[in-house]
Structure formats: C-alpha cells, structure tokens
Amino acid sequence: MAASGYGWIFLTFACLAAVTLTSCHRAGDTAEISVQQEITPLPAKAGPAILLLTLTGADAKPITHASITLEANMTHPGMSPVFGDAKEVEPGRYQARLNFTMG
C-alpha cells in the first residue's frame, strides 16, 4: 500500500518537470520530454530518500540546466507536503534528497 501511495509522487515529479521545462518556451513551441525516475531506498519508506530523475528530449539528448522543484504529498489528513530541489549531477540527470514523513 505504501509503494502505491508514493507512485503518485513520481507522477507529480514528471508533471512538475514537464511544466517547468515547457513553461520556458515561447507560445506555439512544443516540447516532448521523457522523465525516468529512480528512488533509493526501494520500496520507499519513512525517512530519507534520494530521487534521481533523467530528462531527455524528443531527440533522446539530455535536457540540461533545468530548474526542478519537487513536492511529495500523501492524501491522509494532517500530512504536510515535503519539498526539495533537484540539482543536476551530470548532463540530464538530477538528484534530490527528501525526507518522507510516512512509509
């Protein structure tokens, strides 16, 4: 059950990355972005976690210099969101550290 709750986190990351990257384009421009994610530890549990995102364009080339802010949410009442910024660790690969409050 915990893994499925955090599955929504990955979808949120992908959407945030896509919105952040496509918002930098002029009106009429389109962008195709592929987002792959990894999380350690797996399965996710309460406590510290490392997320690694790989962003590539339609041409399969890494997307560099992106600004990525992550928000992890659980739907349970009283749970506060967890935020983190992903930093580029190599071209097209971004790493973030989050501290999950629930397993």
PDB file of N, CA and C in Angstrom:
ATOM      1  N   MET A   1       0.826  -1.193   0.000  1.00  0.00           N
ATOM      2  CA  MET A   1       0.000   0.000   0.000  1.00  0.00           C
ATOM      3  C   MET A   1       0.861   1.244   0.000  1.00  0.00           C
ATOM      4  N   ALA A   2       1.963   1.244   0.766  1.00  0.00           N
ATOM      5  CA  ALA A   2       2.823   2.430   0.826  1.00  0.00           C
ATOM      6  C   ALA A   2       3.443   2.721  -0.516  1.00  0.00           C
ATOM      7  N   ALA A   3       3.875   1.712  -1.241  1.00  0.00           N
ATOM      8  CA  ALA A   3       4.512   1.922  -2.536  1.00  0.00           C
ATOM      9  C   ALA A   3       3.540   2.562  -3.504  1.00  0.00           C
ATOM     10  N   SER A   4       2.245   2.154  -3.474  1.00  0.00           N
ATOM     11  CA  SER A   4       1.286   2.745  -4.396  1.00  0.00           C
ATOM     12  C   SER A   4       1.025   4.209  -4.041  1.00  0.00           C
ATOM     13  N   GLY A   5       1.066   4.560  -2.759  1.00  0.00           N
ATOM     14  CA  GLY A   5       0.893   5.953  -2.370  1.00  0.00           C
ATOM     15  C   GLY A   5       2.010   6.822  -2.910  1.00  0.00           C
ATOM     16  N   TYR A   6       3.213   6.302  -2.900  1.00  0.00           N
ATOM     17  CA  TYR A   6       4.335   7.072  -3.409  1.00  0.00           C
ATOM     18  C   TYR A   6       4.437   7.007  -4.930  1.00  0.00           C
ATOM     19  N   GLY A   7       3.692   6.115  -5.565  1.00  0.00           N
ATOM     20  CA  GLY A   7       3.641   6.093  -7.023  1.00  0.00           C
ATOM     21  C   GLY A   7       3.131   7.418  -7.561  1.00  0.00           C
ATOM     22  N   TRP A   8       2.207   8.025  -6.827  1.00  0.00           N
ATOM     23  CA  TRP A   8       1.687   9.339  -7.231  1.00  0.00           C
ATOM     24  C   TRP A   8       2.761  10.402  -7.149  1.00  0.00           C
ATOM     25  N   ILE A   9       3.721  10.217  -6.276  1.00  0.00           N
ATOM     26  CA  ILE A   9       4.814  11.179  -6.161  1.00  0.00           C
ATOM     27  C   ILE A   9       5.582  11.238  -7.471  1.00  0.00           C
ATOM     28  N   PHE A  10       5.869  10.070  -8.048  1.00  0.00           N
ATOM     29  CA  PHE A  10       6.614  10.047  -9.304  1.00  0.00           C
ATOM     30  C   PHE A  10       5.857  10.742 -10.413  1.00  0.00           C
ATOM     31  N   LEU A  11       4.543  10.528 -10.469  1.00  0.00           N
ATOM     32  CA  LEU A  11       3.727  11.204 -11.466  1.00  0.00           C
ATOM     33  C   LEU A  11       3.794  12.713 -11.253  1.00  0.00           C
ATOM     34  N   THR A  12       3.756  13.141  -9.993  1.00  0.00           N
ATOM     35  CA  THR A  12       3.862  14.564  -9.682  1.00  0.00           C
ATOM     36  C   THR A  12       5.207  15.115 -10.148  1.00  0.00           C
ATOM     37  N   PHE A  13       6.303  14.368  -9.916  1.00  0.00           N
ATOM     38  CA  PHE A  13       7.624  14.808 -10.356  1.00  0.00           C
ATOM     39  C   PHE A  13       7.654  14.996 -11.868  1.00  0.00           C
ATOM     40  N   ALA A  14       7.122  14.025 -12.573  1.00  0.00           N
ATOM     41  CA  ALA A  14       7.130  14.093 -14.034  1.00  0.00           C
ATOM     42  C   ALA A  14       6.339  15.300 -14.517  1.00  0.00           C
ATOM     43  N   CYS A  15       5.184  15.537 -13.914  1.00  0.00           N
ATOM     44  CA  CYS A  15       4.368  16.686 -14.317  1.00  0.00           C
ATOM     45  C   CYS A  15       5.063  18.001 -13.989  1.00  0.00           C
ATOM     46  N   LEU A  16       5.651  18.093 -12.798  1.00  0.00           N
ATOM     47  CA  LEU A  16       6.352  19.315 -12.430  1.00  0.00           C
ATOM     48  C   LEU A  16       7.525  19.582 -13.363  1.00  0.00           C
ATOM     49  N   ALA A  17       8.270  18.564 -13.696  1.00  0.00           N
ATOM     50  CA  ALA A  17       9.404  18.735 -14.612  1.00  0.00           C
ATOM     51  C   ALA A  17       8.907  19.181 -15.973  1.00  0.00           C
ATOM     52  N   ALA A  18       7.856  18.565 -16.462  1.00  0.00           N
ATOM     53  CA  ALA A  18       7.334  18.922 -17.781  1.00  0.00           C
ATOM     54  C   ALA A  18       6.811  20.351 -17.787  1.00  0.00           C
ATOM     55  N   VAL A  19       6.087  20.743 -16.738  1.00  0.00           N
ATOM     56  CA  VAL A  19       5.567  22.109 -16.667  1.00  0.00           C
ATOM     57  C   VAL A  19       6.701  23.116 -16.574  1.00  0.00           C
ATOM     58  N   THR A  20       7.687  22.830 -15.751  1.00  0.00           N
ATOM     59  CA  THR A  20       8.814  23.747 -15.590  1.00  0.00           C
ATOM     60  C   THR A  20       9.558  23.917 -16.901  1.00  0.00           C
ATOM     61  N   LEU A  21       9.816  22.823 -17.582  1.00  0.00           N
ATOM     62  CA  LEU A  21      10.593  22.894 -18.816  1.00  0.00           C
ATOM     63  C   LEU A  21       9.806  23.495 -19.963  1.00  0.00           C
ATOM     64  N   THR A  22       8.532  23.136 -20.103  1.00  0.00           N
ATOM     65  CA  THR A  22       7.756  23.671 -21.215  1.00  0.00           C
ATOM     66  C   THR A  22       7.376  25.119 -20.980  1.00  0.00           C
ATOM     67  N   SER A  23       7.336  25.567 -19.741  1.00  0.00           N
ATOM     68  CA  SER A  23       6.977  26.960 -19.481  1.00  0.00           C
ATOM     69  C   SER A  23       8.081  27.920 -19.930  1.00  0.00           C
ATOM     70  N   CYS A  24       9.255  27.396 -20.231  1.00  0.00           N
ATOM     71  CA  CYS A  24      10.356  28.240 -20.677  1.00  0.00           C
ATOM     72  C   CYS A  24      10.315  28.492 -22.178  1.00  0.00           C
ATOM     73  N   HIS A  25       9.394  27.884 -22.887  1.00  0.00           N
ATOM     74  CA  HIS A  25       9.302  28.038 -24.329  1.00  0.00           C
ATOM     75  C   HIS A  25       8.338  29.158 -24.677  1.00  0.00           C
ATOM     76  N   ARG A  26       8.498  29.700 -25.885  1.00  0.00           N
ATOM     77  CA  ARG A  26       7.582  30.722 -26.392  1.00  0.00           C
ATOM     78  C   ARG A  26       6.259  30.060 -26.744  1.00  0.00           C
ATOM     79  N   ALA A  27       5.202  30.869 -26.805  1.00  0.00           N
ATOM     80  CA  ALA A  27       3.890  30.363 -27.200  1.00  0.00           C
ATOM     81  C   ALA A  27       4.007  29.736 -28.586  1.00  0.00           C
ATOM     82  N   GLY A  28       3.365  28.606 -28.770  1.00  0.00           N
ATOM     83  CA  GLY A  28       3.416  27.920 -30.053  1.00  0.00           C
ATOM     84  C   GLY A  28       4.506  26.869 -30.119  1.00  0.00           C
ATOM     85  N   ASP A  29       5.538  26.988 -29.282  1.00  0.00           N
ATOM     86  CA  ASP A  29       6.584  25.973 -29.241  1.00  0.00           C
ATOM     87  C   ASP A  29       6.052  24.766 -28.483  1.00  0.00           C
ATOM     88  N   THR A  30       6.470  23.589 -28.887  1.00  0.00           N
ATOM     89  CA  THR A  30       6.097  22.386 -28.153  1.00  0.00           C
ATOM     90  C   THR A  30       7.373  21.649 -27.771  1.00  0.00           C
ATOM     91  N   ALA A  31       7.275  20.884 -26.725  1.00  0.00           N
ATOM     92  CA  ALA A  31       8.435  20.123 -26.260  1.00  0.00           C
ATOM     93  C   ALA A  31       7.976  18.728 -25.863  1.00  0.00           C
ATOM     94  N   GLU A  32       8.736  17.735 -26.263  1.00  0.00           N
ATOM     95  CA  GLU A  32       8.482  16.371 -25.843  1.00  0.00           C
ATOM     96  C   GLU A  32       9.580  16.012 -24.861  1.00  0.00           C
ATOM     97  N   ILE A  33       9.176  15.647 -23.665  1.00  0.00           N
ATOM     98  CA  ILE A  33      10.140  15.382 -22.598  1.00  0.00           C
ATOM     99  C   ILE A  33       9.899  13.983 -22.049  1.00  0.00           C
ATOM    100  N   SER A  34      10.966  13.237 -21.903  1.00  0.00           N
ATOM    101  CA  SER A  34      10.904  11.926 -21.276  1.00  0.00           C
ATOM    102  C   SER A  34      11.521  12.047 -19.885  1.00  0.00           C
ATOM    103  N   VAL A  35      10.814  11.552 -18.879  1.00  0.00           N
ATOM    104  CA  VAL A  35      11.301  11.597 -17.499  1.00  0.00           C
ATOM    105  C   VAL A  35      11.384  10.170 -16.973  1.00  0.00           C
ATOM    106  N   GLN A  36      12.574   9.782 -16.553  1.00  0.00           N
ATOM    107  CA  GLN A  36      12.758   8.488 -15.886  1.00  0.00           C
ATOM    108  C   GLN A  36      13.161   8.779 -14.451  1.00  0.00           C
ATOM    109  N   GLN A  37      12.651   7.971 -13.518  1.00  0.00           N
ATOM    110  CA  GLN A  37      12.951   8.222 -12.116  1.00  0.00           C
ATOM    111  C   GLN A  37      13.432   6.958 -11.425  1.00  0.00           C
ATOM    112  N   GLU A  38      14.260   7.183 -10.417  1.00  0.00           N
ATOM    113  CA  GLU A  38      14.737   6.115  -9.542  1.00  0.00           C
ATOM    114  C   GLU A  38      14.621   6.648  -8.123  1.00  0.00           C
ATOM    115  N   ILE A  39      14.340   5.765  -7.195  1.00  0.00           N
ATOM    116  CA  ILE A  39      14.272   6.165  -5.790  1.00  0.00           C
ATOM    117  C   ILE A  39      15.054   5.157  -4.955  1.00  0.00           C
ATOM    118  N   THR A  40      15.779   5.673  -3.985  1.00  0.00           N
ATOM    119  CA  THR A  40      16.526   4.846  -3.047  1.00  0.00           C
ATOM    120  C   THR A  40      16.159   5.321  -1.647  1.00  0.00           C
ATOM    121  N   PRO A  41      15.718   4.473  -0.753  1.00  0.00           N
ATOM    122  CA  PRO A  41      15.581   3.025  -0.881  1.00  0.00           C
ATOM    123  C   PRO A  41      14.316   2.671  -1.648  1.00  0.00           C
ATOM    124  N   LEU A  42      14.283   1.456  -2.150  1.00  0.00           N
ATOM    125  CA  LEU A  42      13.130   0.940  -2.857  1.00  0.00           C
ATOM    126  C   LEU A  42      12.741  -0.380  -2.213  1.00  0.00           C
ATOM    127  N   PRO A  43      11.553  -0.553  -1.728  1.00  0.00           N
ATOM    128  CA  PRO A  43      10.451   0.392  -1.802  1.00  0.00           C
ATOM    129  C   PRO A  43      10.668   1.577  -0.863  1.00  0.00           C
ATOM    130  N   ALA A  44      10.024   2.674  -1.216  1.00  0.00           N
ATOM    131  CA  ALA A  44      10.138   3.886  -0.408  1.00  0.00           C
ATOM    132  C   ALA A  44       9.575   3.627   0.989  1.00  0.00           C
ATOM    133  N   LYS A  45      10.183   4.264   1.973  1.00  0.00           N
ATOM    134  CA  LYS A  45       9.723   4.130   3.353  1.00  0.00           C
ATOM    135  C   LYS A  45       9.919   5.470   4.043  1.00  0.00           C
ATOM    136  N   ALA A  46       9.420   5.582   5.252  1.00  0.00           N
ATOM    137  CA  ALA A  46       9.576   6.816   6.013  1.00  0.00           C
ATOM    138  C   ALA A  46      11.055   7.067   6.255  1.00  0.00           C
ATOM    139  N   GLY A  47      11.445   8.335   6.150  1.00  0.00           N
ATOM    140  CA  GLY A  47      12.830   8.707   6.371  1.00  0.00           C
ATOM    141  C   GLY A  47      13.472   9.262   5.113  1.00  0.00           C
ATOM    142  N   PRO A  48      14.792   9.372   5.121  1.00  0.00           N
ATOM    143  CA  PRO A  48      15.484   9.979   3.990  1.00  0.00           C
ATOM    144  C   PRO A  48      15.401   9.116   2.728  1.00  0.00           C
ATOM    145  N   ALA A  49      15.293   9.796   1.597  1.00  0.00           N
ATOM    146  CA  ALA A  49      15.251   9.130   0.301  1.00  0.00           C
ATOM    147  C   ALA A  49      15.998   9.981  -0.710  1.00  0.00           C
ATOM    148  N   ILE A  50      16.571   9.325  -1.693  1.00  0.00           N
ATOM    149  CA  ILE A  50      17.247  10.011  -2.787  1.00  0.00           C
ATOM    150  C   ILE A  50      16.477   9.710  -4.058  1.00  0.00           C
ATOM    151  N   LEU A  51      16.111  10.764  -4.772  1.00  0.00           N
ATOM    152  CA  LEU A  51      15.419  10.611  -6.050  1.00  0.00           C
ATOM    153  C   LEU A  51      16.355  11.055  -7.156  1.00  0.00           C
ATOM    154  N   LEU A  52      16.407  10.266  -8.219  1.00  0.00           N
ATOM    155  CA  LEU A  52      17.229  10.572  -9.368  1.00  0.00           C
ATOM    156  C   LEU A  52      16.323  10.635 -10.586  1.00  0.00           C
ATOM    157  N   LEU A  53      16.291  11.777 -11.249  1.00  0.00           N
ATOM    158  CA  LEU A  53      15.470  11.982 -12.436  1.00  0.00           C
ATOM    159  C   LEU A  53      16.382  12.127 -13.642  1.00  0.00           C
ATOM    160  N   THR A  54      16.021  11.483 -14.749  1.00  0.00           N
ATOM    161  CA  THR A  54      16.745  11.625 -16.000  1.00  0.00           C
ATOM    162  C   THR A  54      15.789  12.233 -17.003  1.00  0.00           C
ATOM    163  N   LEU A  55      16.172  13.392 -17.559  1.00  0.00           N
ATOM    164  CA  LEU A  55      15.331  14.110 -18.513  1.00  0.00           C
ATOM    165  C   LEU A  55      15.974  14.095 -19.890  1.00  0.00           C
ATOM    166  N   THR A  56      15.200  13.677 -20.882  1.00  0.00           N
ATOM    167  CA  THR A  56      15.675  13.704 -22.264  1.00  0.00           C
ATOM    168  C   THR A  56      14.596  14.314 -23.143  1.00  0.00           C
ATOM    169  N   GLY A  57      15.037  14.880 -24.253  1.00  0.00           N
ATOM    170  CA  GLY A  57      14.115  15.465 -25.220  1.00  0.00           C
ATOM    171  C   GLY A  57      13.713  14.444 -26.270  1.00  0.00           C
ATOM    172  N   ALA A  58      12.916  14.897 -27.250  1.00  0.00           N
ATOM    173  CA  ALA A  58      12.453  14.018 -28.324  1.00  0.00           C
ATOM    174  C   ALA A  58      13.616  13.431 -29.110  1.00  0.00           C
ATOM    175  N   ASP A  59      14.735  14.134 -29.139  1.00  0.00           N
ATOM    176  CA  ASP A  59      15.925  13.665 -29.861  1.00  0.00           C
ATOM    177  C   ASP A  59      16.782  12.729 -29.006  1.00  0.00           C
ATOM    178  N   ALA A  60      16.298  12.358 -27.820  1.00  0.00           N
ATOM    179  CA  ALA A  60      16.983  11.476 -26.867  1.00  0.00           C
ATOM    180  C   ALA A  60      18.233  12.112 -26.261  1.00  0.00           C
ATOM    181  N   LYS A  61      18.427  13.391 -26.456  1.00  0.00           N
ATOM    182  CA  LYS A  61      19.561  14.092 -25.850  1.00  0.00           C
ATOM    183  C   LYS A  61      19.161  14.576 -24.457  1.00  0.00           C
ATOM    184  N   PRO A  62      20.130  14.619 -23.532  1.00  0.00           N
ATOM    185  CA  PRO A  62      19.827  15.076 -22.171  1.00  0.00           C
ATOM    186  C   PRO A  62      19.338  16.525 -22.152  1.00  0.00           C
ATOM    187  N   ILE A  63      18.394  16.788 -21.286  1.00  0.00           N
ATOM    188  CA  ILE A  63      17.934  18.162 -21.069  1.00  0.00           C
ATOM    189  C   ILE A  63      18.730  18.702 -19.894  1.00  0.00           C
ATOM    190  N   THR A  64      19.508  19.730 -20.155  1.00  0.00           N
ATOM    191  CA  THR A  64      20.400  20.277 -19.134  1.00  0.00           C
ATOM    192  C   THR A  64      19.888  21.612 -18.609  1.00  0.00           C
ATOM    193  N   HIS A  65      20.424  22.006 -17.476  1.00  0.00           N
ATOM    194  CA  HIS A  65      20.166  23.304 -16.850  1.00  0.00           C
ATOM    195  C   HIS A  65      18.695  23.519 -16.498  1.00  0.00           C
ATOM    196  N   ALA A  66      17.983  22.445 -16.189  1.00  0.00           N
ATOM    197  CA  ALA A  66      16.575  22.563 -15.798  1.00  0.00           C
ATOM    198  C   ALA A  66      16.485  22.989 -14.336  1.00  0.00           C
ATOM    199  N   SER A  67      15.410  23.652 -14.016  1.00  0.00           N
ATOM    200  CA  SER A  67      15.114  24.029 -12.637  1.00  0.00           C
ATOM    201  C   SER A  67      13.973  23.134 -12.171  1.00  0.00           C
ATOM    202  N   ILE A  68      14.259  22.246 -11.212  1.00  0.00           N
ATOM    203  CA  ILE A  68      13.267  21.262 -10.786  1.00  0.00           C
ATOM    204  C   ILE A  68      13.042  21.376  -9.283  1.00  0.00           C
ATOM    205  N   THR A  69      11.795  21.605  -8.907  1.00  0.00           N
ATOM    206  CA  THR A  69      11.376  21.613  -7.514  1.00  0.00           C
ATOM    207  C   THR A  69      10.386  20.477  -7.338  1.00  0.00           C
ATOM    208  N   LEU A  70      10.595  19.679  -6.311  1.00  0.00           N
ATOM    209  CA  LEU A  70       9.756  18.509  -6.072  1.00  0.00           C
ATOM    210  C   LEU A  70       8.838  18.747  -4.886  1.00  0.00           C
ATOM    211  N   GLU A  71       7.649  18.165  -4.971  1.00  0.00           N
ATOM    212  CA  GLU A  71       6.691  18.201  -3.878  1.00  0.00           C
ATOM    213  C   GLU A  71       6.119  16.802  -3.728  1.00  0.00           C
ATOM    214  N   ALA A  72       6.266  16.222  -2.549  1.00  0.00           N
ATOM    215  CA  ALA A  72       5.726  14.896  -2.260  1.00  0.00           C
ATOM    216  C   ALA A  72       4.552  15.065  -1.307  1.00  0.00           C
ATOM    217  N   ASN A  73       3.434  14.472  -1.661  1.00  0.00           N
ATOM    218  CA  ASN A  73       2.218  14.586  -0.857  1.00  0.00           C
ATOM    219  C   ASN A  73       1.638  13.218  -0.554  1.00  0.00           C
ATOM    220  N   MET A  74       1.070  13.084   0.613  1.00  0.00           N
ATOM    221  CA  MET A  74       0.251  11.930   0.961  1.00  0.00           C
ATOM    222  C   MET A  74      -1.161  12.466   1.146  1.00  0.00           C
ATOM    223  N   THR A  75      -2.152  11.654   0.826  1.00  0.00           N
ATOM    224  CA  THR A  75      -3.533  12.121   0.860  1.00  0.00           C
ATOM    225  C   THR A  75      -4.176  12.019   2.239  1.00  0.00           C
ATOM    226  N   HIS A  76      -3.449  11.511   3.220  1.00  0.00           N
ATOM    227  CA  HIS A  76      -4.018  11.369   4.559  1.00  0.00           C
ATOM    228  C   HIS A  76      -4.177  12.737   5.225  1.00  0.00           C
ATOM    229  N   PRO A  77      -5.280  12.945   5.947  1.00  0.00           N
ATOM    230  CA  PRO A  77      -5.476  14.217   6.652  1.00  0.00           C
ATOM    231  C   PRO A  77      -4.326  14.495   7.629  1.00  0.00           C
ATOM    232  N   GLY A  78      -3.922  15.735   7.670  1.00  0.00           N
ATOM    233  CA  GLY A  78      -2.896  16.155   8.608  1.00  0.00           C
ATOM    234  C   GLY A  78      -1.459  15.971   8.120  1.00  0.00           C
ATOM    235  N   MET A  79      -1.274  15.382   6.952  1.00  0.00           N
ATOM    236  CA  MET A  79       0.077  15.163   6.425  1.00  0.00           C
ATOM    237  C   MET A  79       0.542  16.422   5.692  1.00  0.00           C
ATOM    238  N   SER A  80       1.712  16.895   6.033  1.00  0.00           N
ATOM    239  CA  SER A  80       2.278  18.070   5.371  1.00  0.00           C
ATOM    240  C   SER A  80       3.083  17.625   4.162  1.00  0.00           C
ATOM    241  N   PRO A  81       3.086  18.437   3.104  1.00  0.00           N
ATOM    242  CA  PRO A  81       3.902  18.087   1.941  1.00  0.00           C
ATOM    243  C   PRO A  81       5.391  18.203   2.270  1.00  0.00           C
ATOM    244  N   VAL A  82       6.192  17.472   1.521  1.00  0.00           N
ATOM    245  CA  VAL A  82       7.644  17.508   1.645  1.00  0.00           C
ATOM    246  C   VAL A  82       8.181  18.112   0.360  1.00  0.00           C
ATOM    247  N   PHE A  83       9.096  19.081   0.473  1.00  0.00           N
ATOM    248  CA  PHE A  83       9.631  19.775  -0.696  1.00  0.00           C
ATOM    249  C   PHE A  83      11.131  19.534  -0.829  1.00  0.00           C
ATOM    250  N   GLY A  84      11.613  19.634  -2.047  1.00  0.00           N
ATOM    251  CA  GLY A  84      13.046  19.528  -2.295  1.00  0.00           C
ATOM    252  C   GLY A  84      13.388  20.029  -3.684  1.00  0.00           C
ATOM    253  N   ASP A  85      14.597  20.484  -3.850  1.00  0.00           N
ATOM    254  CA  ASP A  85      15.093  20.917  -5.157  1.00  0.00           C
ATOM    255  C   ASP A  85      16.021  19.853  -5.707  1.00  0.00           C
ATOM    256  N   ALA A  86      15.895  19.589  -7.000  1.00  0.00           N
ATOM    257  CA  ALA A  86      16.775  18.628  -7.654  1.00  0.00           C
ATOM    258  C   ALA A  86      17.916  19.401  -8.307  1.00  0.00           C
ATOM    259  N   LYS A  87      19.118  18.943  -8.081  1.00  0.00           N
ATOM    260  CA  LYS A  87      20.320  19.564  -8.648  1.00  0.00           C
ATOM    261  C   LYS A  87      20.879  18.656  -9.740  1.00  0.00           C
ATOM    262  N   GLU A  88      21.396  19.257 -10.788  1.00  0.00           N
ATOM    263  CA  GLU A  88      21.969  18.486 -11.884  1.00  0.00           C
ATOM    264  C   GLU A  88      23.298  17.887 -11.434  1.00  0.00           C
ATOM    265  N   VAL A  89      23.401  16.556 -11.503  1.00  0.00           N
ATOM    266  CA  VAL A  89      24.617  15.865 -11.080  1.00  0.00           C
ATOM    267  C   VAL A  89      25.460  15.418 -12.273  1.00  0.00           C
ATOM    268  N   GLU A  90      24.852  15.353 -13.433  1.00  0.00           N
ATOM    269  CA  GLU A  90      25.537  15.134 -14.712  1.00  0.00           C
ATOM    270  C   GLU A  90      24.529  15.550 -15.778  1.00  0.00           C
ATOM    271  N   PRO A  91      24.961  15.744 -17.009  1.00  0.00           N
ATOM    272  CA  PRO A  91      24.031  16.256 -18.023  1.00  0.00           C
ATOM    273  C   PRO A  91      22.735  15.443 -18.119  1.00  0.00           C
ATOM    274  N   GLY A  92      21.621  16.110 -17.835  1.00  0.00           N
ATOM    275  CA  GLY A  92      20.308  15.496 -17.927  1.00  0.00           C
ATOM    276  C   GLY A  92      19.887  14.659 -16.734  1.00  0.00           C
ATOM    277  N   ARG A  93      20.749  14.542 -15.722  1.00  0.00           N
ATOM    278  CA  ARG A  93      20.421  13.745 -14.522  1.00  0.00           C
ATOM    279  C   ARG A  93      20.386  14.669 -13.306  1.00  0.00           C
ATOM    280  N   TYR A  94      19.291  14.580 -12.582  1.00  0.00           N
ATOM    281  CA  TYR A  94      19.049  15.475 -11.455  1.00  0.00           C
ATOM    282  C   TYR A  94      18.780  14.649 -10.208  1.00  0.00           C
ATOM    283  N   GLN A  95      19.364  15.083  -9.089  1.00  0.00           N
ATOM    284  CA  GLN A  95      19.224  14.352  -7.831  1.00  0.00           C
ATOM    285  C   GLN A  95      18.606  15.259  -6.775  1.00  0.00           C
ATOM    286  N   ALA A  96      17.698  14.667  -6.002  1.00  0.00           N
ATOM    287  CA  ALA A  96      17.070  15.389  -4.893  1.00  0.00           C
ATOM    288  C   ALA A  96      17.047  14.488  -3.670  1.00  0.00           C
ATOM    289  N   ARG A  97      17.137  15.109  -2.518  1.00  0.00           N
ATOM    290  CA  ARG A  97      17.019  14.393  -1.247  1.00  0.00           C
ATOM    291  C   ARG A  97      15.748  14.882  -0.575  1.00  0.00           C
ATOM    292  N   LEU A  98      14.923  13.915  -0.190  1.00  0.00           N
ATOM    293  CA  LEU A  98      13.685  14.211   0.512  1.00  0.00           C
ATOM    294  C   LEU A  98      13.640  13.386   1.783  1.00  0.00           C
ATOM    295  N   ASN A  99      12.859  13.845   2.738  1.00  0.00           N
ATOM    296  CA  ASN A  99      12.665  13.104   3.970  1.00  0.00           C
ATOM    297  C   ASN A  99      11.185  12.788   4.091  1.00  0.00           C
ATOM    298  N   PHE A 100      10.799  11.561   3.687  1.00  0.00           N
ATOM    299  CA  PHE A 100       9.402  11.166   3.725  1.00  0.00           C
ATOM    300  C   PHE A 100       8.944  11.035   5.171  1.00  0.00           C
ATOM    301  N   THR A 101       7.739  11.529   5.446  1.00  0.00           N
ATOM    302  CA  THR A 101       7.201  11.513   6.804  1.00  0.00           C
ATOM    303  C   THR A 101       6.341  10.290   7.074  1.00  0.00           C
ATOM    304  N   MET A 102       6.115   9.479   6.023  1.00  0.00           N
ATOM    305  CA  MET A 102       5.266   8.307   6.202  1.00  0.00           C
ATOM    306  C   MET A 102       5.724   7.202   5.248  1.00  0.00           C
ATOM    307  N   GLY A 103       5.649   5.974   5.686  1.00  0.00           N
ATOM    308  CA  GLY A 103       6.019   4.833   4.860  1.00  0.00           C
ATOM    309  C   GLY A 103       4.897   4.337   3.988  1.00  0.00           C
TER     310      GLY A 103
END
